[in-house]
Amino acid sequence: DAARMVTLEQLRALAEQGLEHLDSVIIPMQ
């Protein structure tokens, strides 16, 4: 549902901090 969504702006900000920060919002595939 929408509660766990992230925006492109949020992802860009996380990318500036490093890939490990981007990876923190990835949900397990299962």
mmCIF file of all heavy atoms, coordinates in Angstrom:
data_MODEL
# 
_entry.id   MODEL 
# 
loop_
_atom_site.group_PDB 
_atom_site.id 
_atom_site.type_symbol 
_atom_site.label_atom_id 
_atom_site.label_alt_id 
_atom_site.label_comp_id 
_atom_site.label_asym_id 
_atom_site.label_entity_id 
_atom_site.label_seq_id 
_atom_site.pdbx_PDB_ins_code 
_atom_site.Cartn_x 
_atom_site.Cartn_y 
_atom_site.Cartn_z 
_atom_site.occupancy 
_atom_site.B_iso_or_equiv 
_atom_site.pdbx_formal_charge 
_atom_site.auth_seq_id 
_atom_site.auth_comp_id 
_atom_site.auth_asym_id 
_atom_site.auth_atom_id 
_atom_site.pdbx_PDB_model_num 
ATOM 1   N N   . ASP A 1 1  ? 0.834  -1.206  0.000   1.00 0.00 ? 1  ASP A N   1 
ATOM 2   C CA  . ASP A 1 1  ? 0.000  0.000   0.000   1.00 0.00 ? 1  ASP A CA  1 
ATOM 3   C C   . ASP A 1 1  ? 0.865  1.249   0.000   1.00 0.00 ? 1  ASP A C   1 
ATOM 4   O O   . ASP A 1 1  ? 2.096  1.184   0.035   1.00 0.00 ? 1  ASP A O   1 
ATOM 5   C CB  . ASP A 1 1  ? -0.986 0.004   1.177   1.00 0.00 ? 1  ASP A CB  1 
ATOM 6   C CG  . ASP A 1 1  ? -0.290 -0.036  2.531   1.00 0.00 ? 1  ASP A CG  1 
ATOM 7   O OD1 . ASP A 1 1  ? 0.820  0.523   2.659   1.00 0.00 ? 1  ASP A OD1 1 
ATOM 8   O OD2 . ASP A 1 1  ? -0.858 -0.625  3.468   1.00 0.00 ? 1  ASP A OD2 1 
ATOM 9   N N   . ALA A 1 2  ? 0.206  2.401   -0.035  1.00 0.00 ? 2  ALA A N   1 
ATOM 10  C CA  . ALA A 1 2  ? 0.891  3.674   -0.214  1.00 0.00 ? 2  ALA A CA  1 
ATOM 11  C C   . ALA A 1 2  ? 1.770  4.067   0.971   1.00 0.00 ? 2  ALA A C   1 
ATOM 12  O O   . ALA A 1 2  ? 2.643  4.925   0.839   1.00 0.00 ? 2  ALA A O   1 
ATOM 13  C CB  . ALA A 1 2  ? -0.136 4.774   -0.482  1.00 0.00 ? 2  ALA A CB  1 
ATOM 14  N N   . ALA A 1 3  ? 1.572  3.448   2.117   1.00 0.00 ? 3  ALA A N   1 
ATOM 15  C CA  . ALA A 1 3  ? 2.304  3.846   3.320   1.00 0.00 ? 3  ALA A CA  1 
ATOM 16  C C   . ALA A 1 3  ? 3.814  3.669   3.174   1.00 0.00 ? 3  ALA A C   1 
ATOM 17  O O   . ALA A 1 3  ? 4.592  4.378   3.820   1.00 0.00 ? 3  ALA A O   1 
ATOM 18  C CB  . ALA A 1 3  ? 1.794  3.058   4.526   1.00 0.00 ? 3  ALA A CB  1 
ATOM 19  N N   . ARG A 1 4  ? 4.248  2.756   2.311   1.00 0.00 ? 4  ARG A N   1 
ATOM 20  C CA  . ARG A 1 4  ? 5.680  2.452   2.193   1.00 0.00 ? 4  ARG A CA  1 
ATOM 21  C C   . ARG A 1 4  ? 6.294  3.004   0.908   1.00 0.00 ? 4  ARG A C   1 
ATOM 22  O O   . ARG A 1 4  ? 7.418  2.662   0.561   1.00 0.00 ? 4  ARG A O   1 
ATOM 23  C CB  . ARG A 1 4  ? 5.893  0.940   2.264   1.00 0.00 ? 4  ARG A CB  1 
ATOM 24  C CG  . ARG A 1 4  ? 5.361  0.318   3.543   1.00 0.00 ? 4  ARG A CG  1 
ATOM 25  C CD  . ARG A 1 4  ? 5.434  -1.199  3.530   1.00 0.00 ? 4  ARG A CD  1 
ATOM 26  N NE  . ARG A 1 4  ? 6.784  -1.691  3.728   1.00 0.00 ? 4  ARG A NE  1 
ATOM 27  C CZ  . ARG A 1 4  ? 7.107  -2.982  3.754   1.00 0.00 ? 4  ARG A CZ  1 
ATOM 28  N NH1 . ARG A 1 4  ? 6.170  -3.895  3.595   1.00 0.00 ? 4  ARG A NH1 1 
ATOM 29  N NH2 . ARG A 1 4  ? 8.351  -3.357  3.929   1.00 0.00 ? 4  ARG A NH2 1 
ATOM 30  N N   . MET A 1 5  ? 5.565  3.872   0.219   1.00 0.00 ? 5  MET A N   1 
ATOM 31  C CA  . MET A 1 5  ? 6.081  4.429   -1.030  1.00 0.00 ? 5  MET A CA  1 
ATOM 32  C C   . MET A 1 5  ? 7.217  5.417   -0.774  1.00 0.00 ? 5  MET A C   1 
ATOM 33  O O   . MET A 1 5  ? 7.271  6.073   0.251   1.00 0.00 ? 5  MET A O   1 
ATOM 34  C CB  . MET A 1 5  ? 4.971  5.161   -1.805  1.00 0.00 ? 5  MET A CB  1 
ATOM 35  C CG  . MET A 1 5  ? 3.905  4.267   -2.371  1.00 0.00 ? 5  MET A CG  1 
ATOM 36  S SD  . MET A 1 5  ? 2.825  5.129   -3.555  1.00 0.00 ? 5  MET A SD  1 
ATOM 37  C CE  . MET A 1 5  ? 2.218  6.511   -2.570  1.00 0.00 ? 5  MET A CE  1 
ATOM 38  N N   . VAL A 1 6  ? 8.103  5.520   -1.766  1.00 0.00 ? 6  VAL A N   1 
ATOM 39  C CA  . VAL A 1 6  ? 9.161  6.538   -1.752  1.00 0.00 ? 6  VAL A CA  1 
ATOM 40  C C   . VAL A 1 6  ? 9.090  7.299   -3.072  1.00 0.00 ? 6  VAL A C   1 
ATOM 41  O O   . VAL A 1 6  ? 8.758  6.735   -4.115  1.00 0.00 ? 6  VAL A O   1 
ATOM 42  C CB  . VAL A 1 6  ? 10.563 5.913   -1.576  1.00 0.00 ? 6  VAL A CB  1 
ATOM 43  C CG1 . VAL A 1 6  ? 10.746 5.390   -0.178  1.00 0.00 ? 6  VAL A CG1 1 
ATOM 44  C CG2 . VAL A 1 6  ? 10.808 4.810   -2.588  1.00 0.00 ? 6  VAL A CG2 1 
ATOM 45  N N   . THR A 1 7  ? 9.404  8.579   -3.029  1.00 0.00 ? 7  THR A N   1 
ATOM 46  C CA  . THR A 1 7  ? 9.365  9.413   -4.225  1.00 0.00 ? 7  THR A CA  1 
ATOM 47  C C   . THR A 1 7  ? 10.718 9.397   -4.920  1.00 0.00 ? 7  THR A C   1 
ATOM 48  O O   . THR A 1 7  ? 11.740 8.991   -4.341  1.00 0.00 ? 7  THR A O   1 
ATOM 49  C CB  . THR A 1 7  ? 9.005  10.857  -3.863  1.00 0.00 ? 7  THR A CB  1 
ATOM 50  O OG1 . THR A 1 7  ? 10.066 11.404  -3.055  1.00 0.00 ? 7  THR A OG1 1 
ATOM 51  C CG2 . THR A 1 7  ? 7.685  10.930  -3.093  1.00 0.00 ? 7  THR A CG2 1 
ATOM 52  N N   . LEU A 1 8  ? 10.734 9.860   -6.169  1.00 0.00 ? 8  LEU A N   1 
ATOM 53  C CA  . LEU A 1 8  ? 12.008 9.983   -6.882  1.00 0.00 ? 8  LEU A CA  1 
ATOM 54  C C   . LEU A 1 8  ? 12.940 10.952  -6.157  1.00 0.00 ? 8  LEU A C   1 
ATOM 55  O O   . LEU A 1 8  ? 14.159 10.736  -6.107  1.00 0.00 ? 8  LEU A O   1 
ATOM 56  C CB  . LEU A 1 8  ? 11.757 10.465  -8.314  1.00 0.00 ? 8  LEU A CB  1 
ATOM 57  C CG  . LEU A 1 8  ? 11.167 9.442   -9.286  1.00 0.00 ? 8  LEU A CG  1 
ATOM 58  C CD1 . LEU A 1 8  ? 10.900 10.090  -10.636 1.00 0.00 ? 8  LEU A CD1 1 
ATOM 59  C CD2 . LEU A 1 8  ? 12.091 8.232   -9.447  1.00 0.00 ? 8  LEU A CD2 1 
ATOM 60  N N   . GLU A 1 9  ? 12.385 12.017  -5.588  1.00 0.00 ? 9  GLU A N   1 
ATOM 61  C CA  . GLU A 1 9  ? 13.207 12.988  -4.863  1.00 0.00 ? 9  GLU A CA  1 
ATOM 62  C C   . GLU A 1 9  ? 13.866 12.334  -3.650  1.00 0.00 ? 9  GLU A C   1 
ATOM 63  O O   . GLU A 1 9  ? 15.043 12.578  -3.351  1.00 0.00 ? 9  GLU A O   1 
ATOM 64  C CB  . GLU A 1 9  ? 12.349 14.184  -4.420  1.00 0.00 ? 9  GLU A CB  1 
ATOM 65  C CG  . GLU A 1 9  ? 11.870 15.076  -5.552  1.00 0.00 ? 9  GLU A CG  1 
ATOM 66  C CD  . GLU A 1 9  ? 10.759 14.437  -6.385  1.00 0.00 ? 9  GLU A CD  1 
ATOM 67  O OE1 . GLU A 1 9  ? 10.066 13.513  -5.876  1.00 0.00 ? 9  GLU A OE1 1 
ATOM 68  O OE2 . GLU A 1 9  ? 10.591 14.839  -7.557  1.00 0.00 ? 9  GLU A OE2 1 
ATOM 69  N N   . GLN A 1 10 ? 13.103 11.505  -2.938  1.00 0.00 ? 10 GLN A N   1 
ATOM 70  C CA  . GLN A 1 10 ? 13.681 10.805  -1.788  1.00 0.00 ? 10 GLN A CA  1 
ATOM 71  C C   . GLN A 1 10 ? 14.787 9.851   -2.220  1.00 0.00 ? 10 GLN A C   1 
ATOM 72  O O   . GLN A 1 10 ? 15.827 9.747   -1.560  1.00 0.00 ? 10 GLN A O   1 
ATOM 73  C CB  . GLN A 1 10 ? 12.578 10.050  -1.042  1.00 0.00 ? 10 GLN A CB  1 
ATOM 74  C CG  . GLN A 1 10 ? 11.621 10.953  -0.283  1.00 0.00 ? 10 GLN A CG  1 
ATOM 75  C CD  . GLN A 1 10 ? 10.429 10.185  0.279   1.00 0.00 ? 10 GLN A CD  1 
ATOM 76  O OE1 . GLN A 1 10 ? 9.887  9.290   -0.369  1.00 0.00 ? 10 GLN A OE1 1 
ATOM 77  N NE2 . GLN A 1 10 ? 10.026 10.529  1.499   1.00 0.00 ? 10 GLN A NE2 1 
ATOM 78  N N   . LEU A 1 11 ? 14.569 9.157   -3.334  1.00 0.00 ? 11 LEU A N   1 
ATOM 79  C CA  . LEU A 1 11 ? 15.590 8.226   -3.818  1.00 0.00 ? 11 LEU A CA  1 
ATOM 80  C C   . LEU A 1 11 ? 16.846 8.970   -4.258  1.00 0.00 ? 11 LEU A C   1 
ATOM 81  O O   . LEU A 1 11 ? 17.973 8.501   -4.015  1.00 0.00 ? 11 LEU A O   1 
ATOM 82  C CB  . LEU A 1 11 ? 15.033 7.388   -4.968  1.00 0.00 ? 11 LEU A CB  1 
ATOM 83  C CG  . LEU A 1 11 ? 13.951 6.368   -4.597  1.00 0.00 ? 11 LEU A CG  1 
ATOM 84  C CD1 . LEU A 1 11 ? 13.437 5.662   -5.845  1.00 0.00 ? 11 LEU A CD1 1 
ATOM 85  C CD2 . LEU A 1 11 ? 14.475 5.343   -3.594  1.00 0.00 ? 11 LEU A CD2 1 
ATOM 86  N N   . ARG A 1 12 ? 16.680 10.114  -4.899  1.00 0.00 ? 12 ARG A N   1 
ATOM 87  C CA  . ARG A 1 12 ? 17.857 10.899  -5.312  1.00 0.00 ? 12 ARG A CA  1 
ATOM 88  C C   . ARG A 1 12 ? 18.650 11.360  -4.085  1.00 0.00 ? 12 ARG A C   1 
ATOM 89  O O   . ARG A 1 12 ? 19.890 11.344  -4.094  1.00 0.00 ? 12 ARG A O   1 
ATOM 90  C CB  . ARG A 1 12 ? 17.421 12.095  -6.158  1.00 0.00 ? 12 ARG A CB  1 
ATOM 91  C CG  . ARG A 1 12 ? 16.899 11.710  -7.540  1.00 0.00 ? 12 ARG A CG  1 
ATOM 92  C CD  . ARG A 1 12 ? 16.673 12.943  -8.397  1.00 0.00 ? 12 ARG A CD  1 
ATOM 93  N NE  . ARG A 1 12 ? 16.148 12.598  -9.718  1.00 0.00 ? 12 ARG A NE  1 
ATOM 94  C CZ  . ARG A 1 12 ? 14.878 12.763  -10.091 1.00 0.00 ? 12 ARG A CZ  1 
ATOM 95  N NH1 . ARG A 1 12 ? 14.002 13.283  -9.229  1.00 0.00 ? 12 ARG A NH1 1 
ATOM 96  N NH2 . ARG A 1 12 ? 14.476 12.410  -11.301 1.00 0.00 ? 12 ARG A NH2 1 
ATOM 97  N N   . ALA A 1 13 ? 17.919 11.774  -3.044  1.00 0.00 ? 13 ALA A N   1 
ATOM 98  C CA  . ALA A 1 13 ? 18.598 12.218  -1.823  1.00 0.00 ? 13 ALA A CA  1 
ATOM 99  C C   . ALA A 1 13 ? 19.353 11.059  -1.172  1.00 0.00 ? 13 ALA A C   1 
ATOM 100 O O   . ALA A 1 13 ? 20.482 11.230  -0.687  1.00 0.00 ? 13 ALA A O   1 
ATOM 101 C CB  . ALA A 1 13 ? 17.575 12.799  -0.847  1.00 0.00 ? 13 ALA A CB  1 
ATOM 102 N N   . LEU A 1 14 ? 18.755 9.874   -1.159  1.00 0.00 ? 14 LEU A N   1 
ATOM 103 C CA  . LEU A 1 14 ? 19.429 8.702   -0.600  1.00 0.00 ? 14 LEU A CA  1 
ATOM 104 C C   . LEU A 1 14 ? 20.648 8.325   -1.430  1.00 0.00 ? 14 LEU A C   1 
ATOM 105 O O   . LEU A 1 14 ? 21.694 7.936   -0.889  1.00 0.00 ? 14 LEU A O   1 
ATOM 106 C CB  . LEU A 1 14 ? 18.455 7.523   -0.531  1.00 0.00 ? 14 LEU A CB  1 
ATOM 107 C CG  . LEU A 1 14 ? 17.344 7.615   0.512   1.00 0.00 ? 14 LEU A CG  1 
ATOM 108 C CD1 . LEU A 1 14 ? 16.324 6.506   0.302   1.00 0.00 ? 14 LEU A CD1 1 
ATOM 109 C CD2 . LEU A 1 14 ? 17.920 7.560   1.924   1.00 0.00 ? 14 LEU A CD2 1 
ATOM 110 N N   . ALA A 1 15 ? 20.538 8.468   -2.762  1.00 0.00 ? 15 ALA A N   1 
ATOM 111 C CA  . ALA A 1 15 ? 21.655 8.127   -3.645  1.00 0.00 ? 15 ALA A CA  1 
ATOM 112 C C   . ALA A 1 15 ? 22.859 9.004   -3.363  1.00 0.00 ? 15 ALA A C   1 
ATOM 113 O O   . ALA A 1 15 ? 24.013 8.550   -3.463  1.00 0.00 ? 15 ALA A O   1 
ATOM 114 C CB  . ALA A 1 15 ? 21.225 8.250   -5.102  1.00 0.00 ? 15 ALA A CB  1 
ATOM 115 N N   . GLU A 1 16 ? 22.620 10.253  -3.006  1.00 0.00 ? 16 GLU A N   1 
ATOM 116 C CA  . GLU A 1 16 ? 23.730 11.161  -2.697  1.00 0.00 ? 16 GLU A CA  1 
ATOM 117 C C   . GLU A 1 16 ? 24.465 10.733  -1.438  1.00 0.00 ? 16 GLU A C   1 
ATOM 118 O O   . GLU A 1 16 ? 25.645 11.038  -1.263  1.00 0.00 ? 16 GLU A O   1 
ATOM 119 C CB  . GLU A 1 16 ? 23.198 12.586  -2.546  1.00 0.00 ? 16 GLU A CB  1 
ATOM 120 C CG  . GLU A 1 16 ? 22.717 13.197  -3.865  1.00 0.00 ? 16 GLU A CG  1 
ATOM 121 C CD  . GLU A 1 16 ? 22.173 14.606  -3.685  1.00 0.00 ? 16 GLU A CD  1 
ATOM 122 O OE1 . GLU A 1 16 ? 22.168 15.092  -2.528  1.00 0.00 ? 16 GLU A OE1 1 
ATOM 123 O OE2 . GLU A 1 16 ? 21.774 15.214  -4.697  1.00 0.00 ? 16 GLU A OE2 1 
ATOM 124 N N   . GLN A 1 17 ? 23.758 10.012  -0.560  1.00 0.00 ? 17 GLN A N   1 
ATOM 125 C CA  . GLN A 1 17 ? 24.380 9.543   0.679   1.00 0.00 ? 17 GLN A CA  1 
ATOM 126 C C   . GLN A 1 17 ? 25.128 8.226   0.490   1.00 0.00 ? 17 GLN A C   1 
ATOM 127 O O   . GLN A 1 17 ? 25.927 7.834   1.334   1.00 0.00 ? 17 GLN A O   1 
ATOM 128 C CB  . GLN A 1 17 ? 23.315 9.372   1.768   1.00 0.00 ? 17 GLN A CB  1 
ATOM 129 C CG  . GLN A 1 17 ? 22.568 10.648  2.122   1.00 0.00 ? 17 GLN A CG  1 
ATOM 130 C CD  . GLN A 1 17 ? 21.448 10.370  3.113   1.00 0.00 ? 17 GLN A CD  1 
ATOM 131 O OE1 . GLN A 1 17 ? 21.676 9.799   4.183   1.00 0.00 ? 17 GLN A OE1 1 
ATOM 132 N NE2 . GLN A 1 17 ? 20.233 10.773  2.773   1.00 0.00 ? 17 GLN A NE2 1 
ATOM 133 N N   . GLY A 1 18 ? 24.847 7.530   -0.614  1.00 0.00 ? 18 GLY A N   1 
ATOM 134 C CA  . GLY A 1 18 ? 25.524 6.272   -0.877  1.00 0.00 ? 18 GLY A CA  1 
ATOM 135 C C   . GLY A 1 18 ? 24.553 5.152   -1.180  1.00 0.00 ? 18 GLY A C   1 
ATOM 136 O O   . GLY A 1 18 ? 23.382 5.203   -0.784  1.00 0.00 ? 18 GLY A O   1 
ATOM 137 N N   . LEU A 1 19 ? 25.040 4.141   -1.880  1.00 0.00 ? 19 LEU A N   1 
ATOM 138 C CA  . LEU A 1 19 ? 24.172 3.041   -2.305  1.00 0.00 ? 19 LEU A CA  1 
ATOM 139 C C   . LEU A 1 19 ? 23.576 2.275   -1.128  1.00 0.00 ? 19 LEU A C   1 
ATOM 140 O O   . LEU A 1 19 ? 22.457 1.753   -1.220  1.00 0.00 ? 19 LEU A O   1 
ATOM 141 C CB  . LEU A 1 19 ? 24.961 2.073   -3.200  1.00 0.00 ? 19 LEU A CB  1 
ATOM 142 C CG  . LEU A 1 19 ? 25.322 2.615   -4.592  1.00 0.00 ? 19 LEU A CG  1 
ATOM 143 C CD1 . LEU A 1 19 ? 26.240 1.634   -5.312  1.00 0.00 ? 19 LEU A CD1 1 
ATOM 144 C CD2 . LEU A 1 19 ? 24.063 2.857   -5.422  1.00 0.00 ? 19 LEU A CD2 1 
ATOM 145 N N   . GLU A 1 20 ? 24.310 2.207   -0.014  1.00 0.00 ? 20 GLU A N   1 
ATOM 146 C CA  . GLU A 1 20 ? 23.764 1.475   1.128   1.00 0.00 ? 20 GLU A CA  1 
ATOM 147 C C   . GLU A 1 20 ? 22.512 2.157   1.669   1.00 0.00 ? 20 GLU A C   1 
ATOM 148 O O   . GLU A 1 20 ? 21.602 1.499   2.187   1.00 0.00 ? 20 GLU A O   1 
ATOM 149 C CB  . GLU A 1 20 ? 24.814 1.319   2.236   1.00 0.00 ? 20 GLU A CB  1 
ATOM 150 C CG  . GLU A 1 20 ? 25.239 2.605   2.934   1.00 0.00 ? 20 GLU A CG  1 
ATOM 151 C CD  . GLU A 1 20 ? 26.323 3.386   2.170   1.00 0.00 ? 20 GLU A CD  1 
ATOM 152 O OE1 . GLU A 1 20 ? 26.614 3.017   1.014   1.00 0.00 ? 20 GLU A OE1 1 
ATOM 153 O OE2 . GLU A 1 20 ? 26.849 4.341   2.746   1.00 0.00 ? 20 GLU A OE2 1 
ATOM 154 N N   . HIS A 1 21 ? 22.435 3.474   1.526   1.00 0.00 ? 21 HIS A N   1 
ATOM 155 C CA  . HIS A 1 21 ? 21.226 4.189   1.961   1.00 0.00 ? 21 HIS A CA  1 
ATOM 156 C C   . HIS A 1 21 ? 20.071 3.915   1.003   1.00 0.00 ? 21 HIS A C   1 
ATOM 157 O O   . HIS A 1 21 ? 18.917 3.749   1.427   1.00 0.00 ? 21 HIS A O   1 
ATOM 158 C CB  . HIS A 1 21 ? 21.511 5.688   2.049   1.00 0.00 ? 21 HIS A CB  1 
ATOM 159 C CG  . HIS A 1 21 ? 22.451 6.061   3.149   1.00 0.00 ? 21 HIS A CG  1 
ATOM 160 N ND1 . HIS A 1 21 ? 22.035 6.279   4.445   1.00 0.00 ? 21 HIS A ND1 1 
ATOM 161 C CD2 . HIS A 1 21 ? 23.805 6.221   3.156   1.00 0.00 ? 21 HIS A CD2 1 
ATOM 162 C CE1 . HIS A 1 21 ? 23.091 6.566   5.204   1.00 0.00 ? 21 HIS A CE1 1 
ATOM 163 N NE2 . HIS A 1 21 ? 24.170 6.545   4.440   1.00 0.00 ? 21 HIS A NE2 1 
ATOM 164 N N   . LEU A 1 22 ? 20.374 3.865   -0.291  1.00 0.00 ? 22 LEU A N   1 
ATOM 165 C CA  . LEU A 1 22 ? 19.350 3.490   -1.268  1.00 0.00 ? 22 LEU A CA  1 
ATOM 166 C C   . LEU A 1 22 ? 18.834 2.084   -0.991  1.00 0.00 ? 22 LEU A C   1 
ATOM 167 O O   . LEU A 1 22 ? 17.620 1.826   -1.021  1.00 0.00 ? 22 LEU A O   1 
ATOM 168 C CB  . LEU A 1 22 ? 19.935 3.543   -2.682  1.00 0.00 ? 22 LEU A CB  1 
ATOM 169 C CG  . LEU A 1 22 ? 19.723 4.780   -3.533  1.00 0.00 ? 22 LEU A CG  1 
ATOM 170 C CD1 . LEU A 1 22 ? 20.360 4.568   -4.893  1.00 0.00 ? 22 LEU A CD1 1 
ATOM 171 C CD2 . LEU A 1 22 ? 18.249 5.112   -3.697  1.00 0.00 ? 22 LEU A CD2 1 
ATOM 172 N N   . ASP A 1 23 ? 19.761 1.179   -0.714  1.00 0.00 ? 23 ASP A N   1 
ATOM 173 C CA  . ASP A 1 23 ? 19.371 -0.212  -0.497  1.00 0.00 ? 23 ASP A CA  1 
ATOM 174 C C   . ASP A 1 23 ? 18.487 -0.374  0.736   1.00 0.00 ? 23 ASP A C   1 
ATOM 175 O O   . ASP A 1 23 ? 17.756 -1.362  0.850   1.00 0.00 ? 23 ASP A O   1 
ATOM 176 C CB  . ASP A 1 23 ? 20.612 -1.093  -0.360  1.00 0.00 ? 23 ASP A CB  1 
ATOM 177 C CG  . ASP A 1 23 ? 21.379 -1.225  -1.679  1.00 0.00 ? 23 ASP A CG  1 
ATOM 178 O OD1 . ASP A 1 23 ? 20.852 -0.798  -2.720  1.00 0.00 ? 23 ASP A OD1 1 
ATOM 179 O OD2 . ASP A 1 23 ? 22.516 -1.753  -1.649  1.00 0.00 ? 23 ASP A OD2 1 
ATOM 180 N N   . SER A 1 24 ? 18.527 0.590   1.636   1.00 0.00 ? 24 SER A N   1 
ATOM 181 C CA  . SER A 1 24 ? 17.754 0.462   2.879   1.00 0.00 ? 24 SER A CA  1 
ATOM 182 C C   . SER A 1 24 ? 16.247 0.521   2.646   1.00 0.00 ? 24 SER A C   1 
ATOM 183 O O   . SER A 1 24 ? 15.472 0.112   3.522   1.00 0.00 ? 24 SER A O   1 
ATOM 184 C CB  . SER A 1 24 ? 18.161 1.564   3.873   1.00 0.00 ? 24 SER A CB  1 
ATOM 185 O OG  . SER A 1 24 ? 17.725 2.844   3.414   1.00 0.00 ? 24 SER A OG  1 
ATOM 186 N N   . VAL A 1 25 ? 15.805 1.016   1.491   1.00 0.00 ? 25 VAL A N   1 
ATOM 187 C CA  . VAL A 1 25 ? 14.367 1.095   1.230   1.00 0.00 ? 25 VAL A CA  1 
ATOM 188 C C   . VAL A 1 25 ? 13.891 -0.038  0.319   1.00 0.00 ? 25 VAL A C   1 
ATOM 189 O O   . VAL A 1 25 ? 12.723 -0.075  -0.073  1.00 0.00 ? 25 VAL A O   1 
ATOM 190 C CB  . VAL A 1 25 ? 13.967 2.460   0.627   1.00 0.00 ? 25 VAL A CB  1 
ATOM 191 C CG1 . VAL A 1 25 ? 14.282 3.581   1.594   1.00 0.00 ? 25 VAL A CG1 1 
ATOM 192 C CG2 . VAL A 1 25 ? 14.633 2.701   -0.721  1.00 0.00 ? 25 VAL A CG2 1 
ATOM 193 N N   . ILE A 1 26 ? 14.791 -0.965  -0.013  1.00 0.00 ? 26 ILE A N   1 
ATOM 194 C CA  . ILE A 1 26 ? 14.397 -2.117  -0.815  1.00 0.00 ? 26 ILE A CA  1 
ATOM 195 C C   . ILE A 1 26 ? 13.636 -3.116  0.053   1.00 0.00 ? 26 ILE A C   1 
ATOM 196 O O   . ILE A 1 26 ? 14.040 -3.417  1.182   1.00 0.00 ? 26 ILE A O   1 
ATOM 197 C CB  . ILE A 1 26 ? 15.626 -2.806  -1.444  1.00 0.00 ? 26 ILE A CB  1 
ATOM 198 C CG1 . ILE A 1 26 ? 16.294 -1.884  -2.468  1.00 0.00 ? 26 ILE A CG1 1 
ATOM 199 C CG2 . ILE A 1 26 ? 15.227 -4.118  -2.113  1.00 0.00 ? 26 ILE A CG2 1 
ATOM 200 C CD1 . ILE A 1 26 ? 17.551 -2.467  -3.075  1.00 0.00 ? 26 ILE A CD1 1 
ATOM 201 N N   . ILE A 1 27 ? 12.533 -3.618  -0.474  1.00 0.00 ? 27 ILE A N   1 
ATOM 202 C CA  . ILE A 1 27 ? 11.717 -4.607  0.218   1.00 0.00 ? 27 ILE A CA  1 
ATOM 203 C C   . ILE A 1 27 ? 12.102 -5.995  -0.303  1.00 0.00 ? 27 ILE A C   1 
ATOM 204 O O   . ILE A 1 27 ? 12.294 -6.171  -1.515  1.00 0.00 ? 27 ILE A O   1 
ATOM 205 C CB  . ILE A 1 27 ? 10.224 -4.325  -0.028  1.00 0.00 ? 27 ILE A CB  1 
ATOM 206 C CG1 . ILE A 1 27 ? 9.836  -3.000  0.626   1.00 0.00 ? 27 ILE A CG1 1 
ATOM 207 C CG2 . ILE A 1 27 ? 9.336  -5.449  0.495   1.00 0.00 ? 27 ILE A CG2 1 
ATOM 208 C CD1 . ILE A 1 27 ? 8.453  -2.533  0.265   1.00 0.00 ? 27 ILE A CD1 1 
ATOM 209 N N   . PRO A 1 28 ? 12.231 -6.990  0.575   1.00 0.00 ? 28 PRO A N   1 
ATOM 210 C CA  . PRO A 1 28 ? 12.570 -8.343  0.110   1.00 0.00 ? 28 PRO A CA  1 
ATOM 211 C C   . PRO A 1 28 ? 11.586 -8.828  -0.953  1.00 0.00 ? 28 PRO A C   1 
ATOM 212 O O   . PRO A 1 28 ? 10.383 -8.594  -0.862  1.00 0.00 ? 28 PRO A O   1 
ATOM 213 C CB  . PRO A 1 28 ? 12.480 -9.190  1.382   1.00 0.00 ? 28 PRO A CB  1 
ATOM 214 C CG  . PRO A 1 28 ? 12.711 -8.229  2.499   1.00 0.00 ? 28 PRO A CG  1 
ATOM 215 C CD  . PRO A 1 28 ? 12.111 -6.928  2.044   1.00 0.00 ? 28 PRO A CD  1 
ATOM 216 N N   . MET A 1 29 ? 12.108 -9.513  -1.956  1.00 0.00 ? 29 MET A N   1 
ATOM 217 C CA  . MET A 1 29 ? 11.274 -9.900  -3.101  1.00 0.00 ? 29 MET A CA  1 
ATOM 218 C C   . MET A 1 29 ? 10.116 -10.815 -2.724  1.00 0.00 ? 29 MET A C   1 
ATOM 219 O O   . MET A 1 29 ? 9.063  -10.781 -3.353  1.00 0.00 ? 29 MET A O   1 
ATOM 220 C CB  . MET A 1 29 ? 12.144 -10.544 -4.181  1.00 0.00 ? 29 MET A CB  1 
ATOM 221 C CG  . MET A 1 29 ? 12.742 -11.871 -3.814  1.00 0.00 ? 29 MET A CG  1 
ATOM 222 S SD  . MET A 1 29 ? 13.745 -12.553 -5.170  1.00 0.00 ? 29 MET A SD  1 
ATOM 223 C CE  . MET A 1 29 ? 15.334 -11.792 -4.829  1.00 0.00 ? 29 MET A CE  1 
ATOM 224 N N   . GLN A 1 30 ? 10.283 -11.626 -1.670  1.00 0.00 ? 30 GLN A N   1 
ATOM 225 C CA  . GLN A 1 30 ? 9.204  -12.534 -1.305  1.00 0.00 ? 30 GLN A CA  1 
ATOM 226 C C   . GLN A 1 30 ? 7.963  -11.799 -0.795  1.00 0.00 ? 30 GLN A C   1 
ATOM 227 O O   . GLN A 1 30 ? 6.875  -12.391 -0.708  1.00 0.00 ? 30 GLN A O   1 
ATOM 228 C CB  . GLN A 1 30 ? 9.675  -13.567 -0.267  1.00 0.00 ? 30 GLN A CB  1 
ATOM 229 C CG  . GLN A 1 30 ? 10.224 -12.991 1.018   1.00 0.00 ? 30 GLN A CG  1 
ATOM 230 C CD  . GLN A 1 30 ? 11.739 -12.889 0.980   1.00 0.00 ? 30 GLN A CD  1 
ATOM 231 O OE1 . GLN A 1 30 ? 12.312 -12.613 -0.064  1.00 0.00 ? 30 GLN A OE1 1 
ATOM 232 N NE2 . GLN A 1 30 ? 12.370 -13.134 2.121   1.00 0.00 ? 30 GLN A NE2 1 
# 
